[in-house]
Amino acid sequence: MMKNMMGGNAGMLKQLKEMQDQLKKAQKELEKETVTGAAGGGAVEVVMTGAQKCTRITLDAEKIKDMKTENLQALVMMAVNDALDNSRKLMAKKLGPLSGGLGGLR
C-alpha cells in the first residue's frame, strides 16, 4: 500500500510539473501577443500585451485637436481599460485550459 501511495504522489508531482511547464509557456506567449483598446472613435488607441504591459498609446491629432484636457484624459483611461479587458480575455483564453486541470487537486 505504501508503494502505491508513493507511486500516486510521483504521478501527481509529474502532472504538476507538466502543468507548470505549460503555464510558463503560455505566459511567454502572452508576453508576445498584443491586444488593442480604443476610445473616442479611434481618437485614442492603446496597445497592450497579453501579459498586460502597455506597449503603445496613439493619439489621433486631428480628432483631439479641440478636445478639453479632461475629455482627453477620460478617453485615455477608457482606452486603457478597454485594452486591459481585452488582455484579460486573451489571458483567460490562453490559461483557461490550464486552470481547468487544477480542479482535481485538493
N, C-alpha and C. Protein backbone atom coordinates (compact mmCIF):
# COMPACT_ATOMS: atom_id res chain seq x y z
N MET A 1 0.82 -1.19 0.00
CA MET A 1 0.00 0.00 0.00
C MET A 1 0.87 1.25 0.00
N MET A 2 1.97 1.22 0.74
CA MET A 2 2.86 2.38 0.80
C MET A 2 3.44 2.66 -0.58
N LYS A 3 3.80 1.62 -1.31
CA LYS A 3 4.37 1.78 -2.64
C LYS A 3 3.34 2.42 -3.57
N ASN A 4 2.09 2.00 -3.46
CA ASN A 4 1.03 2.54 -4.27
C ASN A 4 0.83 4.03 -3.99
N MET A 5 0.88 4.42 -2.74
CA MET A 5 0.71 5.83 -2.37
C MET A 5 1.87 6.65 -2.91
N MET A 6 3.07 6.13 -2.82
CA MET A 6 4.23 6.86 -3.32
C MET A 6 4.18 6.98 -4.83
N GLY A 7 3.73 5.93 -5.50
CA GLY A 7 3.61 5.99 -6.95
C GLY A 7 2.58 7.03 -7.37
N GLY A 8 1.49 7.12 -6.62
CA GLY A 8 0.47 8.13 -6.91
C GLY A 8 1.00 9.53 -6.72
N ASN A 9 1.81 9.72 -5.66
CA ASN A 9 2.41 11.03 -5.42
C ASN A 9 3.37 11.40 -6.53
N ALA A 10 4.14 10.44 -6.98
CA ALA A 10 5.10 10.70 -8.07
C ALA A 10 4.34 11.09 -9.33
N GLY A 11 3.24 10.41 -9.59
CA GLY A 11 2.43 10.74 -10.76
C GLY A 11 1.84 12.13 -10.65
N MET A 12 1.39 12.48 -9.45
CA MET A 12 0.83 13.81 -9.24
C MET A 12 1.90 14.88 -9.39
N LEU A 13 3.09 14.61 -8.86
CA LEU A 13 4.19 15.57 -8.99
C LEU A 13 4.57 15.75 -10.44
N LYS A 14 4.57 14.67 -11.20
CA LYS A 14 4.88 14.76 -12.63
C LYS A 14 3.83 15.59 -13.35
N GLN A 15 2.57 15.36 -13.00
CA GLN A 15 1.48 16.12 -13.61
C GLN A 15 1.58 17.61 -13.25
N LEU A 16 1.91 17.91 -12.01
CA LEU A 16 2.08 19.30 -11.59
C LEU A 16 3.23 19.97 -12.35
N LYS A 17 4.32 19.23 -12.53
CA LYS A 17 5.48 19.76 -13.27
C LYS A 17 5.09 20.06 -14.71
N GLU A 18 4.34 19.15 -15.33
CA GLU A 18 3.89 19.37 -16.71
C GLU A 18 2.99 20.59 -16.81
N MET A 19 2.10 20.73 -15.85
CA MET A 19 1.21 21.89 -15.84
C MET A 19 1.99 23.18 -15.63
N GLN A 20 2.99 23.13 -14.78
CA GLN A 20 3.83 24.30 -14.53
C GLN A 20 4.57 24.69 -15.81
N ASP A 21 5.09 23.72 -16.53
CA ASP A 21 5.79 23.99 -17.79
C ASP A 21 4.84 24.58 -18.83
N GLN A 22 3.62 24.04 -18.89
CA GLN A 22 2.62 24.57 -19.83
C GLN A 22 2.25 26.01 -19.46
N LEU A 23 2.14 26.27 -18.17
CA LEU A 23 1.81 27.62 -17.70
C LEU A 23 2.91 28.61 -18.08
N LYS A 24 4.16 28.23 -17.89
CA LYS A 24 5.28 29.10 -18.26
C LYS A 24 5.27 29.38 -19.76
N LYS A 25 4.99 28.35 -20.54
CA LYS A 25 4.94 28.51 -22.00
C LYS A 25 3.82 29.48 -22.39
N ALA A 26 2.65 29.30 -21.79
CA ALA A 26 1.51 30.17 -22.09
C ALA A 26 1.81 31.61 -21.68
N GLN A 27 2.48 31.80 -20.55
CA GLN A 27 2.83 33.15 -20.10
C GLN A 27 3.80 33.81 -21.07
N LYS A 28 4.75 33.07 -21.61
CA LYS A 28 5.69 33.63 -22.59
C LYS A 28 4.96 34.01 -23.87
N GLU A 29 3.99 33.19 -24.27
CA GLU A 29 3.19 33.51 -25.45
C GLU A 29 2.39 34.78 -25.22
N LEU A 30 1.84 34.94 -24.02
CA LEU A 30 1.06 36.14 -23.70
C LEU A 30 1.92 37.40 -23.76
N GLU A 31 3.19 37.28 -23.41
CA GLU A 31 4.09 38.43 -23.47
C GLU A 31 4.31 38.90 -24.90
N LYS A 32 4.15 38.01 -25.87
CA LYS A 32 4.39 38.33 -27.28
C LYS A 32 3.13 38.80 -28.01
N GLU A 33 1.97 38.35 -27.56
CA GLU A 33 0.73 38.71 -28.23
C GLU A 33 0.24 40.08 -27.75
N THR A 34 -0.44 40.80 -28.66
CA THR A 34 -0.94 42.11 -28.29
C THR A 34 -2.45 42.21 -28.54
N VAL A 35 -3.05 43.11 -27.81
CA VAL A 35 -4.46 43.46 -27.98
C VAL A 35 -4.54 44.99 -28.05
N THR A 36 -5.66 45.47 -28.54
CA THR A 36 -5.83 46.91 -28.69
C THR A 36 -7.10 47.34 -27.95
N GLY A 37 -7.02 48.51 -27.36
CA GLY A 37 -8.18 49.15 -26.76
C GLY A 37 -8.31 50.52 -27.39
N ALA A 38 -9.52 50.97 -27.58
CA ALA A 38 -9.72 52.27 -28.23
C ALA A 38 -10.88 53.01 -27.57
N ALA A 39 -10.88 54.33 -27.77
CA ALA A 39 -11.97 55.17 -27.26
C ALA A 39 -12.09 56.40 -28.15
N GLY A 40 -13.25 57.00 -28.08
CA GLY A 40 -13.46 58.23 -28.84
C GLY A 40 -13.43 58.03 -30.34
N GLY A 41 -13.96 56.89 -30.79
CA GLY A 41 -13.98 56.64 -32.23
C GLY A 41 -12.58 56.56 -32.83
N GLY A 42 -11.65 56.06 -32.05
CA GLY A 42 -10.28 55.92 -32.54
C GLY A 42 -9.39 57.12 -32.22
N ALA A 43 -9.91 58.06 -31.44
CA ALA A 43 -9.09 59.22 -31.06
C ALA A 43 -7.92 58.78 -30.20
N VAL A 44 -8.15 57.75 -29.38
CA VAL A 44 -7.10 57.21 -28.51
C VAL A 44 -7.06 55.70 -28.72
N GLU A 45 -5.86 55.19 -28.91
CA GLU A 45 -5.68 53.75 -29.08
C GLU A 45 -4.54 53.30 -28.18
N VAL A 46 -4.77 52.20 -27.46
CA VAL A 46 -3.78 51.65 -26.55
C VAL A 46 -3.48 50.21 -26.98
N VAL A 47 -2.21 49.90 -27.12
CA VAL A 47 -1.79 48.54 -27.44
C VAL A 47 -1.13 47.97 -26.19
N MET A 48 -1.55 46.74 -25.85
CA MET A 48 -1.07 46.11 -24.62
C MET A 48 -0.79 44.64 -24.93
N THR A 49 0.19 44.08 -24.23
CA THR A 49 0.47 42.66 -24.40
C THR A 49 -0.55 41.84 -23.62
N GLY A 50 -0.57 40.56 -23.91
CA GLY A 50 -1.42 39.65 -23.16
C GLY A 50 -0.99 39.53 -21.71
N ALA A 51 0.22 39.97 -21.42
CA ALA A 51 0.73 39.99 -20.04
C ALA A 51 0.44 41.34 -19.38
N GLN A 52 -0.40 42.14 -20.01
CA GLN A 52 -0.89 43.43 -19.52
C GLN A 52 0.20 44.47 -19.36
N LYS A 53 1.12 44.50 -20.32
CA LYS A 53 2.13 45.56 -20.38
C LYS A 53 1.75 46.48 -21.53
N CYS A 54 1.60 47.76 -21.24
CA CYS A 54 1.27 48.75 -22.26
C CYS A 54 2.49 48.97 -23.14
N THR A 55 2.31 48.82 -24.45
CA THR A 55 3.43 48.99 -25.37
C THR A 55 3.32 50.24 -26.24
N ARG A 56 2.08 50.76 -26.38
CA ARG A 56 1.94 51.95 -27.23
C ARG A 56 0.61 52.64 -26.94
N ILE A 57 0.66 53.96 -26.94
CA ILE A 57 -0.55 54.78 -26.89
C ILE A 57 -0.49 55.72 -28.08
N THR A 58 -1.54 55.70 -28.88
CA THR A 58 -1.59 56.54 -30.07
C THR A 58 -2.75 57.51 -29.95
N LEU A 59 -2.47 58.77 -30.22
CA LEU A 59 -3.49 59.81 -30.21
C LEU A 59 -3.66 60.32 -31.63
N ASP A 60 -4.89 60.39 -32.10
CA ASP A 60 -5.18 60.93 -33.43
C ASP A 60 -5.25 62.45 -33.31
N ALA A 61 -4.21 63.12 -33.78
CA ALA A 61 -4.09 64.58 -33.61
C ALA A 61 -5.30 65.33 -34.14
N GLU A 62 -5.84 64.88 -35.24
CA GLU A 62 -6.99 65.56 -35.85
C GLU A 62 -8.23 65.44 -34.96
N LYS A 63 -8.42 64.29 -34.36
CA LYS A 63 -9.61 64.05 -33.54
C LYS A 63 -9.52 64.69 -32.16
N ILE A 64 -8.31 64.97 -31.69
CA ILE A 64 -8.18 65.51 -30.33
C ILE A 64 -7.79 66.99 -30.31
N LYS A 65 -7.61 67.60 -31.46
CA LYS A 65 -7.07 68.97 -31.51
C LYS A 65 -7.89 70.00 -30.74
N ASP A 66 -9.20 69.86 -30.69
CA ASP A 66 -10.04 70.83 -29.98
C ASP A 66 -10.59 70.27 -28.66
N MET A 67 -10.04 69.17 -28.22
CA MET A 67 -10.57 68.49 -27.05
C MET A 67 -10.04 69.11 -25.76
N LYS A 68 -10.92 69.19 -24.75
CA LYS A 68 -10.50 69.65 -23.44
C LYS A 68 -9.64 68.57 -22.79
N THR A 69 -8.73 69.00 -21.93
CA THR A 69 -7.81 68.09 -21.25
C THR A 69 -8.57 67.00 -20.51
N GLU A 70 -9.63 67.36 -19.79
CA GLU A 70 -10.39 66.38 -19.01
C GLU A 70 -10.99 65.31 -19.91
N ASN A 71 -11.47 65.72 -21.08
CA ASN A 71 -12.07 64.77 -22.01
C ASN A 71 -11.00 63.83 -22.58
N LEU A 72 -9.85 64.36 -22.89
CA LEU A 72 -8.77 63.53 -23.41
C LEU A 72 -8.31 62.54 -22.34
N GLN A 73 -8.20 63.01 -21.11
CA GLN A 73 -7.82 62.12 -20.02
C GLN A 73 -8.83 60.99 -19.86
N ALA A 74 -10.11 61.31 -19.96
CA ALA A 74 -11.16 60.30 -19.85
C ALA A 74 -11.06 59.28 -20.98
N LEU A 75 -10.76 59.76 -22.18
CA LEU A 75 -10.62 58.84 -23.32
C LEU A 75 -9.42 57.93 -23.16
N VAL A 76 -8.32 58.47 -22.66
CA VAL A 76 -7.13 57.64 -22.43
C VAL A 76 -7.46 56.56 -21.40
N MET A 77 -8.13 56.94 -20.34
CA MET A 77 -8.50 55.98 -19.30
C MET A 77 -9.43 54.91 -19.87
N MET A 78 -10.39 55.32 -20.69
CA MET A 78 -11.31 54.36 -21.30
C MET A 78 -10.57 53.40 -22.23
N ALA A 79 -9.64 53.91 -23.00
CA ALA A 79 -8.88 53.07 -23.93
C ALA A 79 -7.98 52.10 -23.18
N VAL A 80 -7.36 52.56 -22.10
CA VAL A 80 -6.52 51.67 -21.27
C VAL A 80 -7.38 50.56 -20.67
N ASN A 81 -8.54 50.92 -20.14
CA ASN A 81 -9.42 49.91 -19.55
C ASN A 81 -9.93 48.92 -20.60
N ASP A 82 -10.20 49.41 -21.80
CA ASP A 82 -10.61 48.53 -22.90
C ASP A 82 -9.49 47.55 -23.25
N ALA A 83 -8.26 48.06 -23.33
CA ALA A 83 -7.12 47.19 -23.62
C ALA A 83 -6.91 46.17 -22.49
N LEU A 84 -7.07 46.61 -21.25
CA LEU A 84 -6.95 45.67 -20.11
C LEU A 84 -8.00 44.57 -20.19
N ASP A 85 -9.23 44.95 -20.51
CA ASP A 85 -10.30 43.95 -20.65
C ASP A 85 -9.96 42.96 -21.75
N ASN A 86 -9.48 43.46 -22.88
CA ASN A 86 -9.12 42.58 -23.98
C ASN A 86 -7.94 41.69 -23.62
N SER A 87 -7.01 42.23 -22.86
CA SER A 87 -5.86 41.45 -22.41
C SER A 87 -6.30 40.34 -21.46
N ARG A 88 -7.23 40.66 -20.57
CA ARG A 88 -7.74 39.65 -19.64
C ARG A 88 -8.47 38.52 -20.38
N LYS A 89 -9.22 38.90 -21.41
CA LYS A 89 -9.93 37.90 -22.22
C LYS A 89 -8.93 36.97 -22.91
N LEU A 90 -7.87 37.57 -23.46
CA LEU A 90 -6.83 36.77 -24.10
C LEU A 90 -6.16 35.85 -23.09
N MET A 91 -5.89 36.38 -21.90
CA MET A 91 -5.26 35.59 -20.84
C MET A 91 -6.17 34.43 -20.44
N ALA A 92 -7.45 34.68 -20.29
CA ALA A 92 -8.39 33.63 -19.92
C ALA A 92 -8.45 32.56 -21.00
N LYS A 93 -8.39 32.99 -22.25
CA LYS A 93 -8.42 32.04 -23.36
C LYS A 93 -7.18 31.16 -23.36
N LYS A 94 -6.02 31.76 -23.11
CA LYS A 94 -4.76 31.02 -23.12
C LYS A 94 -4.58 30.16 -21.88
N LEU A 95 -4.96 30.68 -20.73
CA LEU A 95 -4.72 29.97 -19.47
C LEU A 95 -5.91 29.14 -19.01
N GLY A 96 -7.06 29.35 -19.60
CA GLY A 96 -8.26 28.63 -19.20
C GLY A 96 -8.10 27.12 -19.16
N PRO A 97 -7.60 26.52 -20.24
CA PRO A 97 -7.43 25.07 -20.20
C PRO A 97 -6.50 24.60 -19.09
N LEU A 98 -5.51 25.40 -18.75
CA LEU A 98 -4.57 25.02 -17.69
C LEU A 98 -5.23 25.11 -16.33
N SER A 99 -6.02 26.15 -16.09
CA SER A 99 -6.65 26.29 -14.79
C SER A 99 -7.71 25.24 -14.58
N GLY A 100 -8.30 24.72 -15.65
CA GLY A 100 -9.30 23.65 -15.52
C GLY A 100 -8.68 22.39 -14.96
N GLY A 101 -7.41 22.17 -15.21
CA GLY A 101 -6.74 20.98 -14.71
C GLY A 101 -6.48 21.02 -13.23
N LEU A 102 -6.61 22.18 -12.62
CA LEU A 102 -6.34 22.31 -11.18
C LEU A 102 -7.54 21.88 -10.34
N GLY A 103 -8.69 21.70 -10.98
CA GLY A 103 -9.89 21.34 -10.23
C GLY A 103 -9.79 20.03 -9.50
N GLY A 104 -9.03 19.09 -10.03
CA GLY A 104 -8.90 17.80 -9.41
C GLY A 104 -7.93 17.77 -8.24
N LEU A 105 -7.20 18.85 -8.02
CA LEU A 105 -6.22 18.90 -6.93
C LEU A 105 -6.86 19.51 -5.70
N ARG A 106 -6.91 18.75 -4.67
CA ARG A 106 -7.50 19.27 -3.42
C ARG A 106 -6.72 18.75 -2.26
